[in-house]
Amino acid sequence: MKVLAGDIGGTNSRFLIAEVGEEGVSVRFARSLSSIGHSSFQSALDSFLDRAGDEAKGLASACFAIAGPVEAGIGRVTNLPWVLESDELGERLGAGVCLINDFEAIGWGLEALEAGDIHVLQEGSPLDQATRALIGAGTGLGQALMNWCGDHYRMHATEGGHTDFAPQDGLQIALLSHLLRRYSHVSYERLVSGAGLAAIFEFLREHHGRCPSPALTQAMASGDPSAAVSRFGLSGTDPLAREALDLFIAIYGAQAGNLALTCLPRGGLYVAGGIAPKILSRMREGGFMRAFLHKGRMREILERVPVRVVLDEAIGLRGAALAAWRRGTRGIEMPVSALI
């Protein structure tokens, strides 16, 4: 079956056309476009379809995974003024269209992962058919849950990334105070996201009264500030960037621990999104798991939770393709197979 899939985020919109069946996903045409380079989702979609040419003909089904809430066939991208309507898109494409949250798509994609697509931060004590959880930082902070329903996993998208940031020490209390001067509500997404790393860096620069190295200052001015902080933090060439990255990782781990306490995912907590694979070398040094486990009397419970980093950054796009196929072959009910 030929399907169209999209993974629509605040920074990039990824599309593919693929043949999908029991044997998996065979990509026919794929492109990644800059979201901020288009005024609307329709503009980005038209650009992709124009480039795809004849490959875009004969679509049987489509699924778009959205970095934002989806309700009653309408999806809204949290960090862009984009609104998607499944009925309207179905008429334009001449195919059935489903809209899902981007972390729901990651859940679909878990079944397609191979051993090399996962890095284990904590083995834990996994239980078959137990609840799973997803968390992942990119442009925003996504979270989702998966529970076993008879013979398959069912996805539950959430907006848990927008829960209140809870500081864990004096420095983080100062960080919260700093951000409350700018925002009326400080969520975990304000910090555990691409923009969040830059915000943490700017706070530390003001808090310590220190200046970054000239090389980092130039890199931040000439490109993505968060990417520059991450790069210099990983290399250790700028102490302020290193501290910012470590604080980012600690807050990330703390919120992952909060999610784990909320649903006790003995089937595994999966850390996805575009940032974790890029900073994995630093996450492996222990800051993430120290914060994850720092829950007082609940530490022993969290030590039993398997914690795994998803290395495949295209997992959401593949998951959306699988969801489109299931919608086309089985209707709205689209069970997620157990990860083997």
C-alpha atoms as a PDB file:
ATOM      1  CA  MET A   1       0.000   0.000   0.000  1.00  0.00           C
ATOM      2  CA  LYS A   2       1.322   3.445  -0.934  1.00  0.00           C
ATOM      3  CA  VAL A   3       1.089   5.911   1.939  1.00  0.00           C
ATOM      4  CA  LEU A   4       2.075   9.482   2.703  1.00  0.00           C
ATOM      5  CA  ALA A   5       3.494  10.228   6.144  1.00  0.00           C
ATOM      6  CA  GLY A   6       4.614  13.415   7.825  1.00  0.00           C
ATOM      7  CA  ASP A   7       6.358  14.306  11.068  1.00  0.00           C
ATOM      8  CA  ILE A   8       5.458  17.955  11.628  1.00  0.00           C
ATOM      9  CA  GLY A   9       7.532  19.873  14.154  1.00  0.00           C
ATOM     10  CA  GLY A  10       8.208  23.450  15.079  1.00  0.00           C
ATOM     11  CA  THR A  11      11.618  23.423  13.367  1.00  0.00           C
ATOM     12  CA  ASN A  12      11.379  20.842  10.588  1.00  0.00           C
ATOM     13  CA  SER A  13       8.618  19.066   8.707  1.00  0.00           C
ATOM     14  CA  ARG A  14       9.638  15.639   7.414  1.00  0.00           C
ATOM     15  CA  PHE A  15       7.635  13.844   4.746  1.00  0.00           C
ATOM     16  CA  LEU A  16       7.875  10.502   3.006  1.00  0.00           C
ATOM     17  CA  ILE A  17       5.974   8.424   0.496  1.00  0.00           C
ATOM     18  CA  ALA A  18       6.417   4.727   1.059  1.00  0.00           C
ATOM     19  CA  GLU A  19       5.096   1.284   0.253  1.00  0.00           C
ATOM     20  CA  VAL A  20       4.070  -0.268   3.559  1.00  0.00           C
ATOM     21  CA  GLY A  21       3.014  -3.828   4.336  1.00  0.00           C
ATOM     22  CA  GLU A  22       3.600  -6.690   6.721  1.00  0.00           C
ATOM     23  CA  GLU A  23       7.254  -6.728   5.676  1.00  0.00           C
ATOM     24  CA  GLY A  24       7.815  -3.126   6.752  1.00  0.00           C
ATOM     25  CA  VAL A  25       8.338   0.340   5.260  1.00  0.00           C
ATOM     26  CA  SER A  26       9.948   0.780   1.830  1.00  0.00           C
ATOM     27  CA  VAL A  27      10.647   4.469   1.186  1.00  0.00           C
ATOM     28  CA  ARG A  28       9.835   5.780  -2.317  1.00  0.00           C
ATOM     29  CA  PHE A  29      10.509   9.484  -1.778  1.00  0.00           C
ATOM     30  CA  ALA A  30      11.421  11.548   1.295  1.00  0.00           C
ATOM     31  CA  ARG A  31      12.323  15.154   2.071  1.00  0.00           C
ATOM     32  CA  SER A  32      12.818  17.329   5.138  1.00  0.00           C
ATOM     33  CA  LEU A  33      11.654  20.947   4.894  1.00  0.00           C
ATOM     34  CA  SER A  34      12.133  23.920   7.183  1.00  0.00           C
ATOM     35  CA  SER A  35       8.861  24.553   8.999  1.00  0.00           C
ATOM     36  CA  ILE A  36       9.663  28.189   9.684  1.00  0.00           C
ATOM     37  CA  GLY A  37      10.305  28.642   5.960  1.00  0.00           C
ATOM     38  CA  HIS A  38       6.592  28.113   5.225  1.00  0.00           C
ATOM     39  CA  SER A  39       3.621  30.212   6.249  1.00  0.00           C
ATOM     40  CA  SER A  40       1.322  27.211   6.677  1.00  0.00           C
ATOM     41  CA  PHE A  41       1.271  23.445   6.705  1.00  0.00           C
ATOM     42  CA  GLN A  42      -0.494  23.494   3.345  1.00  0.00           C
ATOM     43  CA  SER A  43       2.436  25.436   1.880  1.00  0.00           C
ATOM     44  CA  ALA A  44       4.954  22.891   3.215  1.00  0.00           C
ATOM     45  CA  LEU A  45       2.850  19.952   1.990  1.00  0.00           C
ATOM     46  CA  ASP A  46       2.432  21.468  -1.479  1.00  0.00           C
ATOM     47  CA  SER A  47       6.179  22.011  -1.696  1.00  0.00           C
ATOM     48  CA  PHE A  48       6.816  18.367  -0.849  1.00  0.00           C
ATOM     49  CA  LEU A  49       4.182  17.050  -3.271  1.00  0.00           C
ATOM     50  CA  ASP A  50       5.592  19.206  -6.077  1.00  0.00           C
ATOM     51  CA  ARG A  51       9.035  17.701  -5.487  1.00  0.00           C
ATOM     52  CA  ALA A  52       7.640  14.173  -5.258  1.00  0.00           C
ATOM     53  CA  GLY A  53       5.995  14.474  -8.667  1.00  0.00           C
ATOM     54  CA  ASP A  54       4.518  11.195  -9.934  1.00  0.00           C
ATOM     55  CA  GLU A  55       5.467   9.422  -6.703  1.00  0.00           C
ATOM     56  CA  ALA A  56       2.618  11.336  -5.036  1.00  0.00           C
ATOM     57  CA  LYS A  57       0.011   9.689  -7.273  1.00  0.00           C
ATOM     58  CA  GLY A  58      -2.097   6.759  -6.133  1.00  0.00           C
ATOM     59  CA  LEU A  59      -1.931   7.371  -2.395  1.00  0.00           C
ATOM     60  CA  ALA A  60      -4.141   4.985  -0.422  1.00  0.00           C
ATOM     61  CA  SER A  61      -3.773   6.590   3.012  1.00  0.00           C
ATOM     62  CA  ALA A  62      -1.940   9.344   4.862  1.00  0.00           C
ATOM     63  CA  CYS A  63      -0.964  10.129   8.432  1.00  0.00           C
ATOM     64  CA  PHE A  64       0.573  13.296   9.831  1.00  0.00           C
ATOM     65  CA  ALA A  65       2.216  13.281  13.253  1.00  0.00           C
ATOM     66  CA  ILE A  66       2.000  16.701  14.869  1.00  0.00           C
ATOM     67  CA  ALA A  67       4.059  18.292  17.631  1.00  0.00           C
ATOM     68  CA  GLY A  68       0.962  19.443  19.464  1.00  0.00           C
ATOM     69  CA  PRO A  69      -2.527  18.389  20.544  1.00  0.00           C
ATOM     70  CA  VAL A  70      -4.948  16.614  18.211  1.00  0.00           C
ATOM     71  CA  GLU A  71      -8.676  16.539  18.883  1.00  0.00           C
ATOM     72  CA  ALA A  72     -11.687  15.675  16.705  1.00  0.00           C
ATOM     73  CA  GLY A  73      -9.608  15.517  13.532  1.00  0.00           C
ATOM     74  CA  ILE A  74      -7.957  18.904  14.105  1.00  0.00           C
ATOM     75  CA  GLY A  75      -4.283  19.260  14.996  1.00  0.00           C
ATOM     76  CA  ARG A  76      -2.500  22.397  16.171  1.00  0.00           C
ATOM     77  CA  VAL A  77       1.287  22.689  16.098  1.00  0.00           C
ATOM     78  CA  THR A  78       2.258  24.061  19.508  1.00  0.00           C
ATOM     79  CA  ASN A  79       5.232  26.160  18.366  1.00  0.00           C
ATOM     80  CA  LEU A  80       3.780  27.331  15.042  1.00  0.00           C
ATOM     81  CA  PRO A  81       0.484  28.972  13.999  1.00  0.00           C
ATOM     82  CA  TRP A  82      -0.392  25.898  11.930  1.00  0.00           C
ATOM     83  CA  VAL A  83      -3.765  24.142  12.004  1.00  0.00           C
ATOM     84  CA  LEU A  84      -4.381  20.831  10.210  1.00  0.00           C
ATOM     85  CA  GLU A  85      -7.853  19.392   9.504  1.00  0.00           C
ATOM     86  CA  SER A  86      -8.080  15.729   8.509  1.00  0.00           C
ATOM     87  CA  ASP A  87     -11.266  16.085   6.418  1.00  0.00           C
ATOM     88  CA  GLU A  88      -9.871  18.978   4.391  1.00  0.00           C
ATOM     89  CA  LEU A  89      -6.564  17.191   3.821  1.00  0.00           C
ATOM     90  CA  GLY A  90      -8.385  14.013   2.815  1.00  0.00           C
ATOM     91  CA  GLU A  91     -10.293  15.900   0.120  1.00  0.00           C
ATOM     92  CA  ARG A  92      -7.104  17.474  -1.212  1.00  0.00           C
ATOM     93  CA  LEU A  93      -5.169  14.207  -1.286  1.00  0.00           C
ATOM     94  CA  GLY A  94      -8.002  11.921  -2.363  1.00  0.00           C
ATOM     95  CA  ALA A  95      -7.108   9.516   0.455  1.00  0.00           C
ATOM     96  CA  GLY A  96      -8.049   8.847   4.053  1.00  0.00           C
ATOM     97  CA  VAL A  97      -6.052  11.035   6.457  1.00  0.00           C
ATOM     98  CA  CYS A  98      -5.424  10.583  10.167  1.00  0.00           C
ATOM     99  CA  LEU A  99      -3.772  13.109  12.468  1.00  0.00           C
ATOM    100  CA  ILE A 100      -1.881  11.945  15.544  1.00  0.00           C
ATOM    101  CA  ASN A 101       0.403  13.466  18.146  1.00  0.00           C
ATOM    102  CA  ASP A 102       4.087  13.165  17.262  1.00  0.00           C
ATOM    103  CA  PHE A 103       4.802  11.019  20.310  1.00  0.00           C
ATOM    104  CA  GLU A 104       1.978   8.722  19.386  1.00  0.00           C
ATOM    105  CA  ALA A 105       3.854   8.235  16.110  1.00  0.00           C
ATOM    106  CA  ILE A 106       7.027   7.397  18.030  1.00  0.00           C
ATOM    107  CA  GLY A 107       5.024   4.732  19.831  1.00  0.00           C
ATOM    108  CA  TRP A 108       4.009   3.245  16.487  1.00  0.00           C
ATOM    109  CA  GLY A 109       7.633   3.332  15.413  1.00  0.00           C
ATOM    110  CA  LEU A 110       8.962   1.387  18.401  1.00  0.00           C
ATOM    111  CA  GLU A 111       7.980  -1.885  16.770  1.00  0.00           C
ATOM    112  CA  ALA A 112      10.277  -1.139  13.823  1.00  0.00           C
ATOM    113  CA  LEU A 113      13.388  -0.548  15.939  1.00  0.00           C
ATOM    114  CA  GLU A 114      16.359  -2.866  15.897  1.00  0.00           C
ATOM    115  CA  ALA A 115      18.894  -3.485  18.673  1.00  0.00           C
ATOM    116  CA  GLY A 116      21.284  -0.883  17.253  1.00  0.00           C
ATOM    117  CA  ASP A 117      18.575   1.789  17.440  1.00  0.00           C
ATOM    118  CA  ILE A 118      18.519   1.714  21.261  1.00  0.00           C
ATOM    119  CA  HIS A 119      21.051   2.689  23.920  1.00  0.00           C
ATOM    120  CA  VAL A 120      20.341   1.377  27.417  1.00  0.00           C
ATOM    121  CA  LEU A 121      20.914   3.823  30.293  1.00  0.00           C
ATOM    122  CA  GLN A 122      19.446   1.472  32.898  1.00  0.00           C
ATOM    123  CA  GLU A 123      18.622  -2.192  32.445  1.00  0.00           C
ATOM    124  CA  GLY A 124      16.022  -2.192  35.218  1.00  0.00           C
ATOM    125  CA  SER A 125      13.767  -5.209  35.693  1.00  0.00           C
ATOM    126  CA  PRO A 126      11.417  -5.186  32.690  1.00  0.00           C
ATOM    127  CA  LEU A 127       8.040  -6.891  32.802  1.00  0.00           C
ATOM    128  CA  ASP A 128       6.245  -8.276  29.747  1.00  0.00           C
ATOM    129  CA  GLN A 129       3.149  -6.356  28.666  1.00  0.00           C
ATOM    130  CA  ALA A 130       3.770  -3.671  31.291  1.00  0.00           C
ATOM    131  CA  THR A 131       3.150   0.048  30.767  1.00  0.00           C
ATOM    132  CA  ARG A 132       5.656   1.987  28.690  1.00  0.00           C
ATOM    133  CA  ALA A 133       6.381   5.707  28.625  1.00  0.00           C
ATOM    134  CA  LEU A 134       7.943   8.061  26.108  1.00  0.00           C
ATOM    135  CA  ILE A 135       9.657  11.398  26.677  1.00  0.00           C
ATOM    136  CA  GLY A 136      11.679  13.421  24.233  1.00  0.00           C
ATOM    137  CA  ALA A 137      13.133  16.882  23.845  1.00  0.00           C
ATOM    138  CA  GLY A 138      13.392  18.620  20.489  1.00  0.00           C
ATOM    139  CA  THR A 139      11.810  21.933  19.580  1.00  0.00           C
ATOM    140  CA  GLY A 140       9.460  21.166  22.487  1.00  0.00           C
ATOM    141  CA  LEU A 141       9.122  18.396  25.083  1.00  0.00           C
ATOM    142  CA  GLY A 142       6.838  15.491  24.215  1.00  0.00           C
ATOM    143  CA  GLN A 143       5.488  12.777  26.480  1.00  0.00           C
ATOM    144  CA  ALA A 144       3.205   9.789  25.937  1.00  0.00           C
ATOM    145  CA  LEU A 145       2.072   6.565  27.585  1.00  0.00           C
ATOM    146  CA  MET A 146       1.503   3.054  26.214  1.00  0.00           C
ATOM    147  CA  ASN A 147      -0.585   0.416  27.958  1.00  0.00           C
ATOM    148  CA  TRP A 148      -1.213  -3.218  27.056  1.00  0.00           C
ATOM    149  CA  CYS A 149      -4.758  -3.956  25.858  1.00  0.00           C
ATOM    150  CA  GLY A 150      -5.273  -7.698  25.442  1.00  0.00           C
ATOM    151  CA  ASP A 151      -2.952  -8.357  22.519  1.00  0.00           C
ATOM    152  CA  HIS A 152      -1.418  -4.996  21.639  1.00  0.00           C
ATOM    153  CA  TYR A 153      -0.182  -1.696  23.024  1.00  0.00           C
ATOM    154  CA  ARG A 154      -2.434   1.342  22.873  1.00  0.00           C
ATOM    155  CA  MET A 155      -0.976   4.853  22.681  1.00  0.00           C
ATOM    156  CA  HIS A 156      -2.032   7.771  24.877  1.00  0.00           C
ATOM    157  CA  ALA A 157      -0.649  11.132  23.801  1.00  0.00           C
ATOM    158  CA  THR A 158      -0.192  13.752  26.545  1.00  0.00           C
ATOM    159  CA  GLU A 159       0.890  17.347  26.979  1.00  0.00           C
ATOM    160  CA  GLY A 160       2.947  16.478  30.058  1.00  0.00           C
ATOM    161  CA  GLY A 161       5.860  18.594  28.858  1.00  0.00           C
ATOM    162  CA  HIS A 162       3.850  21.646  29.896  1.00  0.00           C
ATOM    163  CA  THR A 163       3.643  20.648  33.571  1.00  0.00           C
ATOM    164  CA  ASP A 164       5.154  23.059  36.110  1.00  0.00           C
ATOM    165  CA  PHE A 165       8.935  23.066  36.429  1.00  0.00           C
ATOM    166  CA  ALA A 166       9.903  21.923  39.950  1.00  0.00           C
ATOM    167  CA  PRO A 167      13.411  23.081  40.930  1.00  0.00           C
ATOM    168  CA  GLN A 168      15.544  20.628  42.886  1.00  0.00           C
ATOM    169  CA  ASP A 169      18.207  22.840  44.508  1.00  0.00           C
ATOM    170  CA  GLY A 170      19.204  26.439  45.115  1.00  0.00           C
ATOM    171  CA  LEU A 171      20.583  26.965  41.619  1.00  0.00           C
ATOM    172  CA  GLN A 172      17.407  25.662  40.019  1.00  0.00           C
ATOM    173  CA  ILE A 173      15.292  27.832  42.331  1.00  0.00           C
ATOM    174  CA  ALA A 174      17.275  30.821  41.056  1.00  0.00           C
ATOM    175  CA  LEU A 175      16.688  29.599  37.489  1.00  0.00           C
ATOM    176  CA  LEU A 176      12.932  29.461  38.104  1.00  0.00           C
ATOM    177  CA  SER A 177      12.951  32.970  39.581  1.00  0.00           C
ATOM    178  CA  HIS A 178      14.893  34.194  36.559  1.00  0.00           C
ATOM    179  CA  LEU A 179      12.347  32.734  34.133  1.00  0.00           C
ATOM    180  CA  LEU A 180       9.332  33.944  36.126  1.00  0.00           C
ATOM    181  CA  ARG A 181      10.463  37.483  35.375  1.00  0.00           C
ATOM    182  CA  ARG A 182       9.894  36.631  31.712  1.00  0.00           C
ATOM    183  CA  TYR A 183       6.996  34.152  31.720  1.00  0.00           C
ATOM    184  CA  SER A 184       3.832  33.818  33.776  1.00  0.00           C
ATOM    185  CA  HIS A 185       4.121  30.012  33.621  1.00  0.00           C
ATOM    186  CA  VAL A 186       7.398  28.081  33.550  1.00  0.00           C
ATOM    187  CA  SER A 187       6.980  24.547  32.284  1.00  0.00           C
ATOM    188  CA  TYR A 188       9.531  21.809  31.806  1.00  0.00           C
ATOM    189  CA  GLU A 189       9.348  22.522  28.069  1.00  0.00           C
ATOM    190  CA  ARG A 190      10.736  26.008  28.710  1.00  0.00           C
ATOM    191  CA  LEU A 191      13.949  24.290  29.823  1.00  0.00           C
ATOM    192  CA  VAL A 192      14.031  20.798  28.313  1.00  0.00           C
ATOM    193  CA  SER A 193      13.943  21.801  24.654  1.00  0.00           C
ATOM    194  CA  GLY A 194      16.213  23.359  22.071  1.00  0.00           C
ATOM    195  CA  ALA A 195      15.362  26.883  23.194  1.00  0.00           C
ATOM    196  CA  GLY A 196      15.579  25.714  26.800  1.00  0.00           C
ATOM    197  CA  LEU A 197      19.305  24.998  26.609  1.00  0.00           C
ATOM    198  CA  ALA A 198      19.954  28.546  25.398  1.00  0.00           C
ATOM    199  CA  ALA A 199      17.738  29.890  28.209  1.00  0.00           C
ATOM    200  CA  ILE A 200      19.708  27.906  30.808  1.00  0.00           C
ATOM    201  CA  PHE A 201      22.980  29.220  29.381  1.00  0.00           C
ATOM    202  CA  GLU A 202      21.807  32.836  29.493  1.00  0.00           C
ATOM    203  CA  PHE A 203      20.677  32.368  33.094  1.00  0.00           C
ATOM    204  CA  LEU A 204      24.049  30.942  34.147  1.00  0.00           C
ATOM    205  CA  ARG A 205      25.914  33.752  32.428  1.00  0.00           C
ATOM    206  CA  GLU A 206      23.878  36.311  34.368  1.00  0.00           C
ATOM    207  CA  HIS A 207      23.851  34.338  37.631  1.00  0.00           C
ATOM    208  CA  HIS A 208      27.619  33.790  37.724  1.00  0.00           C
ATOM    209  CA  GLY A 209      28.532  37.108  36.126  1.00  0.00           C
ATOM    210  CA  ARG A 210      30.822  35.292  33.691  1.00  0.00           C
ATOM    211  CA  CYS A 211      31.349  35.654  29.979  1.00  0.00           C
ATOM    212  CA  PRO A 212      31.595  32.762  27.518  1.00  0.00           C
ATOM    213  CA  SER A 213      34.704  32.287  25.423  1.00  0.00           C
ATOM    214  CA  PRO A 214      35.039  34.500  22.332  1.00  0.00           C
ATOM    215  CA  ALA A 215      34.755  31.400  20.138  1.00  0.00           C
ATOM    216  CA  LEU A 216      31.415  30.416  21.698  1.00  0.00           C
ATOM    217  CA  THR A 217      30.127  33.987  21.525  1.00  0.00           C
ATOM    218  CA  GLN A 218      30.885  34.053  17.806  1.00  0.00           C
ATOM    219  CA  ALA A 219      29.312  30.612  17.248  1.00  0.00           C
ATOM    220  CA  MET A 220      26.127  31.644  19.049  1.00  0.00           C
ATOM    221  CA  ALA A 221      25.862  34.863  17.048  1.00  0.00           C
ATOM    222  CA  SER A 222      26.409  33.180  13.688  1.00  0.00           C
ATOM    223  CA  GLY A 223      24.160  30.135  14.086  1.00  0.00           C
ATOM    224  CA  ASP A 224      21.764  28.288  16.391  1.00  0.00           C
ATOM    225  CA  PRO A 225      22.688  29.397  19.954  1.00  0.00           C
ATOM    226  CA  SER A 226      21.531  26.136  21.554  1.00  0.00           C
ATOM    227  CA  ALA A 227      23.465  24.030  19.078  1.00  0.00           C
ATOM    228  CA  ALA A 228      26.576  26.095  19.781  1.00  0.00           C
ATOM    229  CA  VAL A 229      26.175  25.709  23.556  1.00  0.00           C
ATOM    230  CA  SER A 230      25.682  21.972  23.122  1.00  0.00           C
ATOM    231  CA  ARG A 231      28.742  21.616  20.889  1.00  0.00           C
ATOM    232  CA  PHE A 232      31.042  23.593  23.181  1.00  0.00           C
ATOM    233  CA  GLY A 233      29.593  21.874  26.248  1.00  0.00           C
ATOM    234  CA  LEU A 234      30.236  18.410  24.829  1.00  0.00           C
ATOM    235  CA  SER A 235      33.802  19.282  23.862  1.00  0.00           C
ATOM    236  CA  GLY A 236      34.500  20.887  27.228  1.00  0.00           C
ATOM    237  CA  THR A 237      36.040  23.919  25.550  1.00  0.00           C
ATOM    238  CA  ASP A 238      33.795  26.375  27.398  1.00  0.00           C
ATOM    239  CA  PRO A 239      33.111  25.872  31.147  1.00  0.00           C
ATOM    240  CA  LEU A 240      29.874  27.882  31.074  1.00  0.00           C
ATOM    241  CA  ALA A 241      28.516  25.805  28.186  1.00  0.00           C
ATOM    242  CA  ARG A 242      29.509  22.619  29.980  1.00  0.00           C
ATOM    243  CA  GLU A 243      27.641  23.704  33.113  1.00  0.00           C
ATOM    244  CA  ALA A 244      24.578  24.656  31.046  1.00  0.00           C
ATOM    245  CA  LEU A 245      24.535  21.276  29.322  1.00  0.00           C
ATOM    246  CA  ASP A 246      24.885  19.437  32.627  1.00  0.00           C
ATOM    247  CA  LEU A 247      22.033  21.437  34.159  1.00  0.00           C
ATOM    248  CA  PHE A 248      19.884  20.755  31.084  1.00  0.00           C
ATOM    249  CA  ILE A 249      20.570  17.021  31.404  1.00  0.00           C
ATOM    250  CA  ALA A 250      19.774  17.040  35.127  1.00  0.00           C
ATOM    251  CA  ILE A 251      16.405  18.751  34.592  1.00  0.00           C
ATOM    252  CA  TYR A 252      15.665  16.359  31.707  1.00  0.00           C
ATOM    253  CA  GLY A 253      16.405  13.372  33.940  1.00  0.00           C
ATOM    254  CA  ALA A 254      14.288  14.770  36.776  1.00  0.00           C
ATOM    255  CA  GLN A 255      11.227  15.153  34.536  1.00  0.00           C
ATOM    256  CA  ALA A 256      11.781  11.672  33.087  1.00  0.00           C
ATOM    257  CA  GLY A 257      11.739  10.422  36.682  1.00  0.00           C
ATOM    258  CA  ASN A 258       8.509  12.333  37.344  1.00  0.00           C
ATOM    259  CA  LEU A 259       6.920  10.644  34.335  1.00  0.00           C
ATOM    260  CA  ALA A 260       8.143   7.245  35.508  1.00  0.00           C
ATOM    261  CA  LEU A 261       6.653   7.791  38.974  1.00  0.00           C
ATOM    262  CA  THR A 262       3.358   8.818  37.389  1.00  0.00           C
ATOM    263  CA  CYS A 263       2.843   5.607  35.398  1.00  0.00           C
ATOM    264  CA  LEU A 264       5.502   3.108  36.656  1.00  0.00           C
ATOM    265  CA  PRO A 265       6.592   1.990  33.155  1.00  0.00           C
ATOM    266  CA  ARG A 266       8.119  -1.403  33.881  1.00  0.00           C
ATOM    267  CA  GLY A 267       7.854  -2.083  30.157  1.00  0.00           C
ATOM    268  CA  GLY A 268      10.414   0.673  29.656  1.00  0.00           C
ATOM    269  CA  LEU A 269      10.825   4.422  29.619  1.00  0.00           C
ATOM    270  CA  TYR A 270      12.032   5.510  26.170  1.00  0.00           C
ATOM    271  CA  VAL A 271      13.898   8.785  25.696  1.00  0.00           C
ATOM    272  CA  ALA A 272      13.313   9.923  22.110  1.00  0.00           C
ATOM    273  CA  GLY A 273      13.427  13.263  20.288  1.00  0.00           C
ATOM    274  CA  GLY A 274      16.204  14.930  18.360  1.00  0.00           C
ATOM    275  CA  ILE A 275      18.364  16.137  21.246  1.00  0.00           C
ATOM    276  CA  ALA A 276      19.169  12.983  23.234  1.00  0.00           C
ATOM    277  CA  PRO A 277      21.183  11.203  20.496  1.00  0.00           C
ATOM    278  CA  LYS A 278      23.290  14.340  20.016  1.00  0.00           C
ATOM    279  CA  ILE A 279      24.223  14.635  23.700  1.00  0.00           C
ATOM    280  CA  LEU A 280      24.269  10.927  24.534  1.00  0.00           C
ATOM    281  CA  SER A 281      27.979  10.908  25.360  1.00  0.00           C
ATOM    282  CA  ARG A 282      27.323  13.377  28.188  1.00  0.00           C
ATOM    283  CA  MET A 283      24.083  11.698  29.302  1.00  0.00           C
ATOM    284  CA  ARG A 284      26.006   8.448  29.698  1.00  0.00           C
ATOM    285  CA  GLU A 285      28.278  10.081  32.278  1.00  0.00           C
ATOM    286  CA  GLY A 286      25.507   9.776  34.843  1.00  0.00           C
ATOM    287  CA  GLY A 287      23.825  13.149  35.324  1.00  0.00           C
ATOM    288  CA  PHE A 288      20.589  12.087  33.668  1.00  0.00           C
ATOM    289  CA  MET A 289      20.165   8.920  35.723  1.00  0.00           C
ATOM    290  CA  ARG A 290      21.222  10.587  38.991  1.00  0.00           C
ATOM    291  CA  ALA A 291      18.388  13.087  38.582  1.00  0.00           C
ATOM    292  CA  PHE A 292      16.018  10.370  37.371  1.00  0.00           C
ATOM    293  CA  LEU A 293      16.595   8.326  40.530  1.00  0.00           C
ATOM    294  CA  HIS A 294      16.708  11.257  42.963  1.00  0.00           C
ATOM    295  CA  LYS A 295      13.178  10.690  44.288  1.00  0.00           C
ATOM    296  CA  GLY A 296      13.759   9.969  47.951  1.00  0.00           C
ATOM    297  CA  ARG A 297      11.886   6.896  49.162  1.00  0.00           C
ATOM    298  CA  MET A 298      10.858   6.060  45.590  1.00  0.00           C
ATOM    299  CA  ARG A 299      14.410   5.487  44.346  1.00  0.00           C
ATOM    300  CA  GLU A 300      14.190   1.707  44.670  1.00  0.00           C
ATOM    301  CA  ILE A 301      11.026   1.623  42.568  1.00  0.00           C
ATOM    302  CA  LEU A 302      12.658   3.694  39.813  1.00  0.00           C
ATOM    303  CA  GLU A 303      15.719   1.436  39.801  1.00  0.00           C
ATOM    304  CA  ARG A 304      13.446  -1.279  38.376  1.00  0.00           C
ATOM    305  CA  VAL A 305      12.381   0.839  35.377  1.00  0.00           C
ATOM    306  CA  PRO A 306      14.270   0.106  32.120  1.00  0.00           C
ATOM    307  CA  VAL A 307      15.508   3.401  30.625  1.00  0.00           C
ATOM    308  CA  ARG A 308      16.393   3.419  26.920  1.00  0.00           C
ATOM    309  CA  VAL A 309      17.468   6.167  24.533  1.00  0.00           C
ATOM    310  CA  VAL A 310      16.048   5.928  21.005  1.00  0.00           C
ATOM    311  CA  LEU A 311      18.856   6.687  18.541  1.00  0.00           C
ATOM    312  CA  ASP A 312      16.765   6.653  15.352  1.00  0.00           C
ATOM    313  CA  GLU A 313      15.660  10.252  14.804  1.00  0.00           C
ATOM    314  CA  ALA A 314      13.317   9.163  11.973  1.00  0.00           C
ATOM    315  CA  ILE A 315      11.275   6.913  14.251  1.00  0.00           C
ATOM    316  CA  GLY A 316       8.284   9.279  14.257  1.00  0.00           C
ATOM    317  CA  LEU A 317       8.157   9.418  10.483  1.00  0.00           C
ATOM    318  CA  ARG A 318       8.310   5.630  10.197  1.00  0.00           C
ATOM    319  CA  GLY A 319       5.679   5.355  12.901  1.00  0.00           C
ATOM    320  CA  ALA A 320       3.363   7.710  11.011  1.00  0.00           C
ATOM    321  CA  ALA A 321       3.799   5.572   7.884  1.00  0.00           C
ATOM    322  CA  LEU A 322       2.836   2.450   9.856  1.00  0.00           C
ATOM    323  CA  ALA A 323      -0.172   4.269  11.321  1.00  0.00           C
ATOM    324  CA  ALA A 324      -1.302   5.313   7.820  1.00  0.00           C
ATOM    325  CA  TRP A 325      -1.023   1.715   6.664  1.00  0.00           C
ATOM    326  CA  ARG A 326      -2.993   0.386   9.614  1.00  0.00           C
ATOM    327  CA  ARG A 327      -5.677   3.000   9.077  1.00  0.00           C
ATOM    328  CA  GLY A 328      -5.926   2.014   5.445  1.00  0.00           C
ATOM    329  CA  THR A 329      -6.071  -1.722   6.105  1.00  0.00           C
ATOM    330  CA  ARG A 330      -7.813  -1.951   9.469  1.00  0.00           C
ATOM    331  CA  GLY A 331      -9.706   1.292   9.939  1.00  0.00           C
ATOM    332  CA  ILE A 332      -9.291   3.672  12.854  1.00  0.00           C
ATOM    333  CA  GLU A 333      -8.294   0.980  15.339  1.00  0.00           C
ATOM    334  CA  MET A 334      -4.512   0.818  14.945  1.00  0.00           C
ATOM    335  CA  PRO A 335      -2.840  -1.399  17.571  1.00  0.00           C
ATOM    336  CA  VAL A 336       0.859  -1.056  18.277  1.00  0.00           C
ATOM    337  CA  SER A 337       2.625  -4.388  18.266  1.00  0.00           C
ATOM    338  CA  ALA A 338       4.748  -5.410  21.222  1.00  0.00           C
ATOM    339  CA  LEU A 339       8.418  -4.486  20.850  1.00  0.00           C
ATOM    340  CA  ILE A 340      10.519  -7.630  20.505  1.00  0.00           C
END
